[in-house]
Amino acid sequence: VGIFVGNIFGSKYKSKAELAGGVVLILIGLKILLEHLGVINF
């Protein structure tokens, strides 16, 4: 999909994709920690 996005739209979405990926990883890490500590239970 990235090949097509780059070919059609240019570099407009590159930094937004990296930002979203970083936020998701931090939130999943926090979820793992909070689950283990018993603060949340998913």
PDB file of all heavy atoms in Angstrom:
ATOM      1  N   VAL A   1       0.847  -1.199   0.000  1.00  0.00           N
ATOM      2  CA  VAL A   1       0.000   0.000   0.000  1.00  0.00           C
ATOM      3  C   VAL A   1       0.883   1.250   0.000  1.00  0.00           C
ATOM      4  O   VAL A   1       0.585   2.237  -0.684  1.00  0.00           O
ATOM      5  CB  VAL A   1      -0.953  -0.011   1.218  1.00  0.00           C
ATOM      6  CG1 VAL A   1      -1.646   1.329   1.398  1.00  0.00           C
ATOM      7  CG2 VAL A   1      -1.972  -1.139   1.095  1.00  0.00           C
ATOM      8  N   GLY A   2       1.979   1.203   0.759  1.00  0.00           N
ATOM      9  CA  GLY A   2       2.894   2.345   0.843  1.00  0.00           C
ATOM     10  C   GLY A   2       3.466   2.747  -0.504  1.00  0.00           C
ATOM     11  O   GLY A   2       3.621   3.939  -0.801  1.00  0.00           O
ATOM     12  N   ILE A   3       3.787   1.770  -1.333  1.00  0.00           N
ATOM     13  CA  ILE A   3       4.294   2.059  -2.684  1.00  0.00           C
ATOM     14  C   ILE A   3       3.270   2.903  -3.448  1.00  0.00           C
ATOM     15  O   ILE A   3       3.615   3.901  -4.083  1.00  0.00           O
ATOM     16  CB  ILE A   3       4.574   0.745  -3.451  1.00  0.00           C
ATOM     17  CG1 ILE A   3       5.837   0.081  -2.922  1.00  0.00           C
ATOM     18  CG2 ILE A   3       4.674   0.962  -4.938  1.00  0.00           C
ATOM     19  CD1 ILE A   3       7.117   0.669  -3.432  1.00  0.00           C
ATOM     20  N   PHE A   4       2.008   2.484  -3.373  1.00  0.00           N
ATOM     21  CA  PHE A   4       0.948   3.217  -4.091  1.00  0.00           C
ATOM     22  C   PHE A   4       0.715   4.595  -3.486  1.00  0.00           C
ATOM     23  O   PHE A   4       0.548   5.577  -4.212  1.00  0.00           O
ATOM     24  CB  PHE A   4      -0.353   2.412  -4.108  1.00  0.00           C
ATOM     25  CG  PHE A   4      -0.317   1.253  -5.045  1.00  0.00           C
ATOM     26  CD1 PHE A   4      -0.211  -0.044  -4.567  1.00  0.00           C
ATOM     27  CD2 PHE A   4      -0.364   1.448  -6.426  1.00  0.00           C
ATOM     28  CE1 PHE A   4      -0.170  -1.120  -5.432  1.00  0.00           C
ATOM     29  CE2 PHE A   4      -0.322   0.377  -7.298  1.00  0.00           C
ATOM     30  CZ  PHE A   4      -0.223  -0.912  -6.802  1.00  0.00           C
ATOM     31  N   VAL A   5       0.700   4.671  -2.162  1.00  0.00           N
ATOM     32  CA  VAL A   5       0.494   5.964  -1.488  1.00  0.00           C
ATOM     33  C   VAL A   5       1.595   6.934  -1.892  1.00  0.00           C
ATOM     34  O   VAL A   5       1.333   8.087  -2.227  1.00  0.00           O
ATOM     35  CB  VAL A   5       0.430   5.796   0.050  1.00  0.00           C
ATOM     36  CG1 VAL A   5       0.495   7.138   0.755  1.00  0.00           C
ATOM     37  CG2 VAL A   5      -0.833   5.043   0.458  1.00  0.00           C
ATOM     38  N   GLY A   6       2.846   6.461  -1.856  1.00  0.00           N
ATOM     39  CA  GLY A   6       3.969   7.323  -2.241  1.00  0.00           C
ATOM     40  C   GLY A   6       3.884   7.753  -3.686  1.00  0.00           C
ATOM     41  O   GLY A   6       4.151   8.909  -4.022  1.00  0.00           O
ATOM     42  N   ASN A   7       3.484   6.840  -4.551  1.00  0.00           N
ATOM     43  CA  ASN A   7       3.393   7.144  -5.968  1.00  0.00           C
ATOM     44  C   ASN A   7       2.270   8.141  -6.252  1.00  0.00           C
ATOM     45  O   ASN A   7       2.400   8.997  -7.125  1.00  0.00           O
ATOM     46  CB  ASN A   7       3.182   5.852  -6.753  1.00  0.00           C
ATOM     47  CG  ASN A   7       3.365   6.040  -8.228  1.00  0.00           C
ATOM     48  OD1 ASN A   7       2.397   6.060  -8.966  1.00  0.00           O
ATOM     49  ND2 ASN A   7       4.608   6.200  -8.652  1.00  0.00           N
ATOM     50  N   ILE A   8       1.196   8.051  -5.499  1.00  0.00           N
ATOM     51  CA  ILE A   8       0.034   8.915  -5.757  1.00  0.00           C
ATOM     52  C   ILE A   8       0.086  10.214  -4.958  1.00  0.00           C
ATOM     53  O   ILE A   8      -0.120  11.296  -5.496  1.00  0.00           O
ATOM     54  CB  ILE A   8      -1.277   8.155  -5.441  1.00  0.00           C
ATOM     55  CG1 ILE A   8      -1.429   6.977  -6.396  1.00  0.00           C
ATOM     56  CG2 ILE A   8      -2.489   9.080  -5.530  1.00  0.00           C
ATOM     57  CD1 ILE A   8      -2.513   5.996  -6.006  1.00  0.00           C
ATOM     58  N   PHE A   9       0.358  10.116  -3.663  1.00  0.00           N
ATOM     59  CA  PHE A   9       0.216  11.279  -2.778  1.00  0.00           C
ATOM     60  C   PHE A   9       1.524  11.923  -2.355  1.00  0.00           C
ATOM     61  O   PHE A   9       1.513  12.987  -1.754  1.00  0.00           O
ATOM     62  CB  PHE A   9      -0.544  10.895  -1.510  1.00  0.00           C
ATOM     63  CG  PHE A   9      -1.953  10.469  -1.770  1.00  0.00           C
ATOM     64  CD1 PHE A   9      -2.304   9.138  -1.664  1.00  0.00           C
ATOM     65  CD2 PHE A   9      -2.917  11.386  -2.132  1.00  0.00           C
ATOM     66  CE1 PHE A   9      -3.603   8.730  -1.903  1.00  0.00           C
ATOM     67  CE2 PHE A   9      -4.217  10.986  -2.375  1.00  0.00           C
ATOM     68  CZ  PHE A   9      -4.561   9.658  -2.264  1.00  0.00           C
ATOM     69  N   GLY A  10       2.633  11.266  -2.587  1.00  0.00           N
ATOM     70  CA  GLY A  10       3.900  11.835  -2.161  1.00  0.00           C
ATOM     71  C   GLY A  10       4.173  11.555  -0.698  1.00  0.00           C
ATOM     72  O   GLY A  10       3.599  10.662  -0.102  1.00  0.00           O
ATOM     73  N   SER A  11       5.037  12.336  -0.098  1.00  0.00           N
ATOM     74  CA  SER A  11       5.504  12.072   1.267  1.00  0.00           C
ATOM     75  C   SER A  11       4.630  12.679   2.348  1.00  0.00           C
ATOM     76  O   SER A  11       5.012  12.710   3.510  1.00  0.00           O
ATOM     77  CB  SER A  11       6.942  12.572   1.420  1.00  0.00           C
ATOM     78  OG  SER A  11       6.990  13.953   1.176  1.00  0.00           O
ATOM     79  N   LYS A  12       3.455  13.126   2.003  1.00  0.00           N
ATOM     80  CA  LYS A  12       2.561  13.799   2.953  1.00  0.00           C
ATOM     81  C   LYS A  12       2.241  12.946   4.184  1.00  0.00           C
ATOM     82  O   LYS A  12       2.125  13.461   5.291  1.00  0.00           O
ATOM     83  CB  LYS A  12       1.267  14.180   2.227  1.00  0.00           C
ATOM     84  CG  LYS A  12       0.254  14.878   3.075  1.00  0.00           C
ATOM     85  CD  LYS A  12      -0.975  15.235   2.255  1.00  0.00           C
ATOM     86  CE  LYS A  12      -2.000  15.933   3.106  1.00  0.00           C
ATOM     87  NZ  LYS A  12      -3.206  16.235   2.366  1.00  0.00           N
ATOM     88  N   TYR A  13       2.090  11.612   4.026  1.00  0.00           N
ATOM     89  CA  TYR A  13       1.624  10.761   5.120  1.00  0.00           C
ATOM     90  C   TYR A  13       2.737  10.012   5.845  1.00  0.00           C
ATOM     91  O   TYR A  13       2.469   9.315   6.816  1.00  0.00           O
ATOM     92  CB  TYR A  13       0.608   9.746   4.585  1.00  0.00           C
ATOM     93  CG  TYR A  13      -0.607  10.426   4.014  1.00  0.00           C
ATOM     94  CD1 TYR A  13      -0.826  10.460   2.650  1.00  0.00           C
ATOM     95  CD2 TYR A  13      -1.522  11.059   4.840  1.00  0.00           C
ATOM     96  CE1 TYR A  13      -1.929  11.101   2.113  1.00  0.00           C
ATOM     97  CE2 TYR A  13      -2.626  11.705   4.323  1.00  0.00           C
ATOM     98  CZ  TYR A  13      -2.821  11.716   2.965  1.00  0.00           C
ATOM     99  OH  TYR A  13      -3.907  12.355   2.440  1.00  0.00           O
ATOM    100  N   LYS A  14       3.974  10.154   5.414  1.00  0.00           N
ATOM    101  CA  LYS A  14       5.071   9.399   5.993  1.00  0.00           C
ATOM    102  C   LYS A  14       5.221   9.656   7.488  1.00  0.00           C
ATOM    103  O   LYS A  14       5.233   8.728   8.299  1.00  0.00           O
ATOM    104  CB  LYS A  14       6.375   9.738   5.272  1.00  0.00           C
ATOM    105  CG  LYS A  14       7.585   9.046   5.839  1.00  0.00           C
ATOM    106  CD  LYS A  14       8.831   9.521   5.110  1.00  0.00           C
ATOM    107  CE  LYS A  14      10.067   8.958   5.711  1.00  0.00           C
ATOM    108  NZ  LYS A  14      10.380   9.468   7.024  1.00  0.00           N
ATOM    109  N   SER A  15       5.336  10.899   7.904  1.00  0.00           N
ATOM    110  CA  SER A  15       5.552  11.187   9.320  1.00  0.00           C
ATOM    111  C   SER A  15       4.323  10.862  10.159  1.00  0.00           C
ATOM    112  O   SER A  15       4.437  10.439  11.303  1.00  0.00           O
ATOM    113  CB  SER A  15       5.970  12.644   9.519  1.00  0.00           C
ATOM    114  OG  SER A  15       4.932  13.514   9.111  1.00  0.00           O
ATOM    115  N   LYS A  16       3.132  11.000   9.596  1.00  0.00           N
ATOM    116  CA  LYS A  16       1.909  10.656  10.335  1.00  0.00           C
ATOM    117  C   LYS A  16       1.852   9.156  10.607  1.00  0.00           C
ATOM    118  O   LYS A  16       1.410   8.726  11.676  1.00  0.00           O
ATOM    119  CB  LYS A  16       0.678  11.103   9.558  1.00  0.00           C
ATOM    120  CG  LYS A  16       0.526  12.623   9.519  1.00  0.00           C
ATOM    121  CD  LYS A  16      -0.689  13.031   8.724  1.00  0.00           C
ATOM    122  CE  LYS A  16      -0.883  14.517   8.796  1.00  0.00           C
ATOM    123  NZ  LYS A  16      -0.543  15.246   7.631  1.00  0.00           N
ATOM    124  N   ALA A  17       2.304   8.348   9.671  1.00  0.00           N
ATOM    125  CA  ALA A  17       2.326   6.888   9.858  1.00  0.00           C
ATOM    126  C   ALA A  17       3.293   6.510  10.969  1.00  0.00           C
ATOM    127  O   ALA A  17       2.977   5.672  11.823  1.00  0.00           O
ATOM    128  CB  ALA A  17       2.703   6.193   8.553  1.00  0.00           C
ATOM    129  N   GLU A  18       4.475   7.114  10.970  1.00  0.00           N
ATOM    130  CA  GLU A  18       5.447   6.821  12.023  1.00  0.00           C
ATOM    131  C   GLU A  18       4.936   7.267  13.386  1.00  0.00           C
ATOM    132  O   GLU A  18       5.096   6.560  14.379  1.00  0.00           O
ATOM    133  CB  GLU A  18       6.785   7.504  11.722  1.00  0.00           C
ATOM    134  CG  GLU A  18       7.580   6.821  10.643  1.00  0.00           C
ATOM    135  CD  GLU A  18       8.911   7.495  10.381  1.00  0.00           C
ATOM    136  OE1 GLU A  18       9.027   8.719  10.563  1.00  0.00           O
ATOM    137  OE2 GLU A  18       9.832   6.778   9.987  1.00  0.00           O
ATOM    138  N   LEU A  19       4.307   8.429  13.439  1.00  0.00           N
ATOM    139  CA  LEU A  19       3.751   8.934  14.699  1.00  0.00           C
ATOM    140  C   LEU A  19       2.681   7.984  15.229  1.00  0.00           C
ATOM    141  O   LEU A  19       2.693   7.603  16.405  1.00  0.00           O
ATOM    142  CB  LEU A  19       3.163  10.336  14.493  1.00  0.00           C
ATOM    143  CG  LEU A  19       2.497  10.967  15.709  1.00  0.00           C
ATOM    144  CD1 LEU A  19       3.509  11.214  16.807  1.00  0.00           C
ATOM    145  CD2 LEU A  19       1.819  12.275  15.319  1.00  0.00           C
ATOM    146  N   ALA A  20       1.767   7.565  14.386  1.00  0.00           N
ATOM    147  CA  ALA A  20       0.697   6.647  14.803  1.00  0.00           C
ATOM    148  C   ALA A  20       1.284   5.321  15.282  1.00  0.00           C
ATOM    149  O   ALA A  20       0.852   4.782  16.317  1.00  0.00           O
ATOM    150  CB  ALA A  20      -0.268   6.407  13.647  1.00  0.00           C
ATOM    151  N   GLY A  21       2.266   4.794  14.578  1.00  0.00           N
ATOM    152  CA  GLY A  21       2.904   3.546  14.985  1.00  0.00           C
ATOM    153  C   GLY A  21       3.561   3.660  16.350  1.00  0.00           C
ATOM    154  O   GLY A  21       3.443   2.761  17.189  1.00  0.00           O
ATOM    155  N   GLY A  22       4.232   4.749  16.592  1.00  0.00           N
ATOM    156  CA  GLY A  22       4.885   4.969  17.890  1.00  0.00           C
ATOM    157  C   GLY A  22       3.895   5.042  19.032  1.00  0.00           C
ATOM    158  O   GLY A  22       4.090   4.448  20.098  1.00  0.00           O
ATOM    159  N   VAL A  23       2.808   5.765  18.826  1.00  0.00           N
ATOM    160  CA  VAL A  23       1.779   5.895  19.864  1.00  0.00           C
ATOM    161  C   VAL A  23       1.157   4.530  20.177  1.00  0.00           C
ATOM    162  O   VAL A  23       0.966   4.168  21.342  1.00  0.00           O
ATOM    163  CB  VAL A  23       0.695   6.920  19.443  1.00  0.00           C
ATOM    164  CG1 VAL A  23      -0.504   6.873  20.375  1.00  0.00           C
ATOM    165  CG2 VAL A  23       1.294   8.326  19.407  1.00  0.00           C
ATOM    166  N   VAL A  24       0.866   3.746  19.147  1.00  0.00           N
ATOM    167  CA  VAL A  24       0.264   2.420  19.354  1.00  0.00           C
ATOM    168  C   VAL A  24       1.208   1.528  20.162  1.00  0.00           C
ATOM    169  O   VAL A  24       0.772   0.849  21.107  1.00  0.00           O
ATOM    170  CB  VAL A  24      -0.105   1.763  18.003  1.00  0.00           C
ATOM    171  CG1 VAL A  24      -0.432   0.284  18.178  1.00  0.00           C
ATOM    172  CG2 VAL A  24      -1.282   2.484  17.373  1.00  0.00           C
ATOM    173  N   LEU A  25       2.499   1.519  19.848  1.00  0.00           N
ATOM    174  CA  LEU A  25       3.437   0.676  20.597  1.00  0.00           C
ATOM    175  C   LEU A  25       3.515   1.090  22.061  1.00  0.00           C
ATOM    176  O   LEU A  25       3.533   0.231  22.960  1.00  0.00           O
ATOM    177  CB  LEU A  25       4.826   0.720  19.960  1.00  0.00           C
ATOM    178  CG  LEU A  25       4.985  -0.035  18.654  1.00  0.00           C
ATOM    179  CD1 LEU A  25       6.398   0.127  18.114  1.00  0.00           C
ATOM    180  CD2 LEU A  25       4.659  -1.504  18.824  1.00  0.00           C
ATOM    181  N   ILE A  26       3.553   2.372  22.335  1.00  0.00           N
ATOM    182  CA  ILE A  26       3.598   2.840  23.725  1.00  0.00           C
ATOM    183  C   ILE A  26       2.326   2.431  24.467  1.00  0.00           C
ATOM    184  O   ILE A  26       2.380   1.939  25.604  1.00  0.00           O
ATOM    185  CB  ILE A  26       3.803   4.372  23.785  1.00  0.00           C
ATOM    186  CG1 ILE A  26       5.226   4.707  23.326  1.00  0.00           C
ATOM    187  CG2 ILE A  26       3.560   4.894  25.192  1.00  0.00           C
ATOM    188  CD1 ILE A  26       5.486   6.185  23.119  1.00  0.00           C
ATOM    189  N   LEU A  27       1.172   2.576  23.838  1.00  0.00           N
ATOM    190  CA  LEU A  27      -0.087   2.205  24.486  1.00  0.00           C
ATOM    191  C   LEU A  27      -0.167   0.701  24.757  1.00  0.00           C
ATOM    192  O   LEU A  27      -0.656   0.285  25.817  1.00  0.00           O
ATOM    193  CB  LEU A  27      -1.277   2.667  23.640  1.00  0.00           C
ATOM    194  CG  LEU A  27      -1.491   4.176  23.570  1.00  0.00           C
ATOM    195  CD1 LEU A  27      -2.627   4.520  22.607  1.00  0.00           C
ATOM    196  CD2 LEU A  27      -1.768   4.745  24.955  1.00  0.00           C
ATOM    197  N   ILE A  28       0.320  -0.117  23.838  1.00  0.00           N
ATOM    198  CA  ILE A  28       0.307  -1.564  24.074  1.00  0.00           C
ATOM    199  C   ILE A  28       1.274  -1.920  25.206  1.00  0.00           C
ATOM    200  O   ILE A  28       0.958  -2.754  26.060  1.00  0.00           O
ATOM    201  CB  ILE A  28       0.624  -2.336  22.782  1.00  0.00           C
ATOM    202  CG1 ILE A  28      -0.567  -2.214  21.816  1.00  0.00           C
ATOM    203  CG2 ILE A  28       0.908  -3.809  23.075  1.00  0.00           C
ATOM    204  CD1 ILE A  28      -0.326  -2.780  20.443  1.00  0.00           C
ATOM    205  N   GLY A  29       2.427  -1.292  25.249  1.00  0.00           N
ATOM    206  CA  GLY A  29       3.365  -1.525  26.352  1.00  0.00           C
ATOM    207  C   GLY A  29       2.749  -1.145  27.691  1.00  0.00           C
ATOM    208  O   GLY A  29       2.874  -1.873  28.683  1.00  0.00           O
ATOM    209  N   LEU A  30       2.056  -0.031  27.730  1.00  0.00           N
ATOM    210  CA  LEU A  30       1.372   0.409  28.948  1.00  0.00           C
ATOM    211  C   LEU A  30       0.277  -0.579  29.336  1.00  0.00           C
ATOM    212  O   LEU A  30       0.114  -0.919  30.516  1.00  0.00           O
ATOM    213  CB  LEU A  30       0.789   1.814  28.725  1.00  0.00           C
ATOM    214  CG  LEU A  30       0.182   2.491  29.941  1.00  0.00           C
ATOM    215  CD1 LEU A  30       1.210   2.653  31.048  1.00  0.00           C
ATOM    216  CD2 LEU A  30      -0.379   3.847  29.550  1.00  0.00           C
ATOM    217  N   LYS A  31      -0.452  -1.084  28.359  1.00  0.00           N
ATOM    218  CA  LYS A  31      -1.508  -2.073  28.620  1.00  0.00           C
ATOM    219  C   LYS A  31      -0.917  -3.335  29.238  1.00  0.00           C
ATOM    220  O   LYS A  31      -1.454  -3.874  30.209  1.00  0.00           O
ATOM    221  CB  LYS A  31      -2.247  -2.409  27.326  1.00  0.00           C
ATOM    222  CG  LYS A  31      -3.314  -3.487  27.470  1.00  0.00           C
ATOM    223  CD  LYS A  31      -3.927  -3.829  26.114  1.00  0.00           C
ATOM    224  CE  LYS A  31      -4.916  -4.945  26.218  1.00  0.00           C
ATOM    225  NZ  LYS A  31      -4.350  -6.262  26.031  1.00  0.00           N
ATOM    226  N   ILE A  32       0.199  -3.821  28.701  1.00  0.00           N
ATOM    227  CA  ILE A  32       0.865  -5.018  29.244  1.00  0.00           C
ATOM    228  C   ILE A  32       1.247  -4.779  30.702  1.00  0.00           C
ATOM    229  O   ILE A  32       0.997  -5.620  31.575  1.00  0.00           O
ATOM    230  CB  ILE A  32       2.106  -5.380  28.405  1.00  0.00           C
ATOM    231  CG1 ILE A  32       1.687  -5.901  27.029  1.00  0.00           C
ATOM    232  CG2 ILE A  32       2.987  -6.400  29.132  1.00  0.00           C
ATOM    233  CD1 ILE A  32       2.835  -5.996  26.034  1.00  0.00           C
ATOM    234  N   LEU A  33       1.845  -3.645  30.980  1.00  0.00           N
ATOM    235  CA  LEU A  33       2.278  -3.326  32.338  1.00  0.00           C
ATOM    236  C   LEU A  33       1.076  -3.238  33.284  1.00  0.00           C
ATOM    237  O   LEU A  33       1.074  -3.833  34.363  1.00  0.00           O
ATOM    238  CB  LEU A  33       3.067  -2.018  32.342  1.00  0.00           C
ATOM    239  CG  LEU A  33       3.558  -1.549  33.711  1.00  0.00           C
ATOM    240  CD1 LEU A  33       4.555  -2.546  34.291  1.00  0.00           C
ATOM    241  CD2 LEU A  33       4.186  -0.171  33.598  1.00  0.00           C
ATOM    242  N   LEU A  34       0.050  -2.504  32.898  1.00  0.00           N
ATOM    243  CA  LEU A  34      -1.124  -2.326  33.759  1.00  0.00           C
ATOM    244  C   LEU A  34      -1.870  -3.635  33.982  1.00  0.00           C
ATOM    245  O   LEU A  34      -2.388  -3.877  35.076  1.00  0.00           O
ATOM    246  CB  LEU A  34      -2.047  -1.252  33.177  1.00  0.00           C
ATOM    247  CG  LEU A  34      -1.475   0.166  33.156  1.00  0.00           C
ATOM    248  CD1 LEU A  34      -2.429   1.130  32.469  1.00  0.00           C
ATOM    249  CD2 LEU A  34      -1.118   0.643  34.562  1.00  0.00           C
ATOM    250  N   GLU A  35      -1.926  -4.490  32.963  1.00  0.00           N
ATOM    251  CA  GLU A  35      -2.546  -5.805  33.148  1.00  0.00           C
ATOM    252  C   GLU A  35      -1.777  -6.634  34.161  1.00  0.00           C
ATOM    253  O   GLU A  35      -2.362  -7.265  35.045  1.00  0.00           O
ATOM    254  CB  GLU A  35      -2.615  -6.567  31.823  1.00  0.00           C
ATOM    255  CG  GLU A  35      -3.735  -6.149  30.917  1.00  0.00           C
ATOM    256  CD  GLU A  35      -3.744  -6.900  29.599  1.00  0.00           C
ATOM    257  OE1 GLU A  35      -2.729  -7.503  29.206  1.00  0.00           O
ATOM    258  OE2 GLU A  35      -4.789  -6.877  28.949  1.00  0.00           O
ATOM    259  N   HIS A  36      -0.461  -6.637  34.060  1.00  0.00           N
ATOM    260  CA  HIS A  36       0.357  -7.437  34.966  1.00  0.00           C
ATOM    261  C   HIS A  36       0.267  -6.914  36.399  1.00  0.00           C
ATOM    262  O   HIS A  36       0.292  -7.685  37.348  1.00  0.00           O
ATOM    263  CB  HIS A  36       1.817  -7.459  34.513  1.00  0.00           C
ATOM    264  CG  HIS A  36       2.649  -8.398  35.315  1.00  0.00           C
ATOM    265  ND1 HIS A  36       2.641  -9.758  35.085  1.00  0.00           N
ATOM    266  CD2 HIS A  36       3.468  -8.198  36.391  1.00  0.00           C
ATOM    267  CE1 HIS A  36       3.445 -10.344  35.957  1.00  0.00           C
ATOM    268  NE2 HIS A  36       3.955  -9.422  36.739  1.00  0.00           N
ATOM    269  N   LEU A  37       0.156  -5.609  36.547  1.00  0.00           N
ATOM    270  CA  LEU A  37       0.048  -5.025  37.872  1.00  0.00           C
ATOM    271  C   LEU A  37      -1.358  -5.129  38.453  1.00  0.00           C
ATOM    272  O   LEU A  37      -1.608  -4.762  39.591  1.00  0.00           O
ATOM    273  CB  LEU A  37       0.489  -3.541  37.835  1.00  0.00           C
ATOM    274  CG  LEU A  37       1.955  -3.294  37.468  1.00  0.00           C
ATOM    275  CD1 LEU A  37       2.239  -1.805  37.330  1.00  0.00           C
ATOM    276  CD2 LEU A  37       2.888  -3.925  38.508  1.00  0.00           C
ATOM    277  N   GLY A  38      -2.297  -5.625  37.628  1.00  0.00           N
ATOM    278  CA  GLY A  38      -3.664  -5.813  38.092  1.00  0.00           C
ATOM    279  C   GLY A  38      -4.519  -4.563  38.072  1.00  0.00           C
ATOM    280  O   GLY A  38      -5.624  -4.556  38.615  1.00  0.00           O
ATOM    281  N   VAL A  39      -4.050  -3.515  37.428  1.00  0.00           N
ATOM    282  CA  VAL A  39      -4.797  -2.261  37.358  1.00  0.00           C
ATOM    283  C   VAL A  39      -5.952  -2.371  36.360  1.00  0.00           C
ATOM    284  O   VAL A  39      -7.037  -1.854  36.608  1.00  0.00           O
ATOM    285  CB  VAL A  39      -3.867  -1.084  36.978  1.00  0.00           C
ATOM    286  CG1 VAL A  39      -4.640   0.202  36.794  1.00  0.00           C
ATOM    287  CG2 VAL A  39      -2.768  -0.930  38.027  1.00  0.00           C
ATOM    288  N   ILE A  40      -5.722  -3.070  35.255  1.00  0.00           N
ATOM    289  CA  ILE A  40      -6.768  -3.292  34.257  1.00  0.00           C
ATOM    290  C   ILE A  40      -6.798  -4.777  33.907  1.00  0.00           C
ATOM    291  O   ILE A  40      -5.836  -5.495  34.149  1.00  0.00           O
ATOM    292  CB  ILE A  40      -6.545  -2.462  32.969  1.00  0.00           C
ATOM    293  CG1 ILE A  40      -5.210  -2.799  32.286  1.00  0.00           C
ATOM    294  CG2 ILE A  40      -6.666  -0.983  33.253  1.00  0.00           C
ATOM    295  CD1 ILE A  40      -5.019  -2.171  30.936  1.00  0.00           C
ATOM    296  N   ASN A  41      -7.904  -5.205  33.325  1.00  0.00           N
ATOM    297  CA  ASN A  41      -8.022  -6.602  32.919  1.00  0.00           C
ATOM    298  C   ASN A  41      -8.793  -6.678  31.607  1.00  0.00           C
ATOM    299  O   ASN A  41     -10.001  -6.504  31.589  1.00  0.00           O
ATOM    300  CB  ASN A  41      -8.734  -7.408  33.998  1.00  0.00           C
ATOM    301  CG  ASN A  41      -8.679  -8.893  33.716  1.00  0.00           C
ATOM    302  OD1 ASN A  41      -7.910  -9.343  32.881  1.00  0.00           O
ATOM    303  ND2 ASN A  41      -9.506  -9.638  34.423  1.00  0.00           N
ATOM    304  N   PHE A  42      -8.057  -6.886  30.508  1.00  0.00           N
ATOM    305  CA  PHE A  42      -8.689  -7.019  29.184  1.00  0.00           C
ATOM    306  C   PHE A  42      -8.781  -8.460  28.792  1.00  0.00           C
ATOM    307  O   PHE A  42      -7.993  -9.258  28.969  1.00  0.00           O
ATOM    308  CB  PHE A  42      -7.906  -6.246  28.103  1.00  0.00           C
ATOM    309  CG  PHE A  42      -8.147  -4.780  28.125  1.00  0.00           C
ATOM    310  CD1 PHE A  42      -7.168  -3.922  28.580  1.00  0.00           C
ATOM    311  CD2 PHE A  42      -9.349  -4.248  27.714  1.00  0.00           C
ATOM    312  CE1 PHE A  42      -7.377  -2.563  28.592  1.00  0.00           C
ATOM    313  CE2 PHE A  42      -9.571  -2.900  27.711  1.00  0.00           C
ATOM    314  CZ  PHE A  42      -8.579  -2.050  28.157  1.00  0.00           C
TER     315      PHE A  42
END
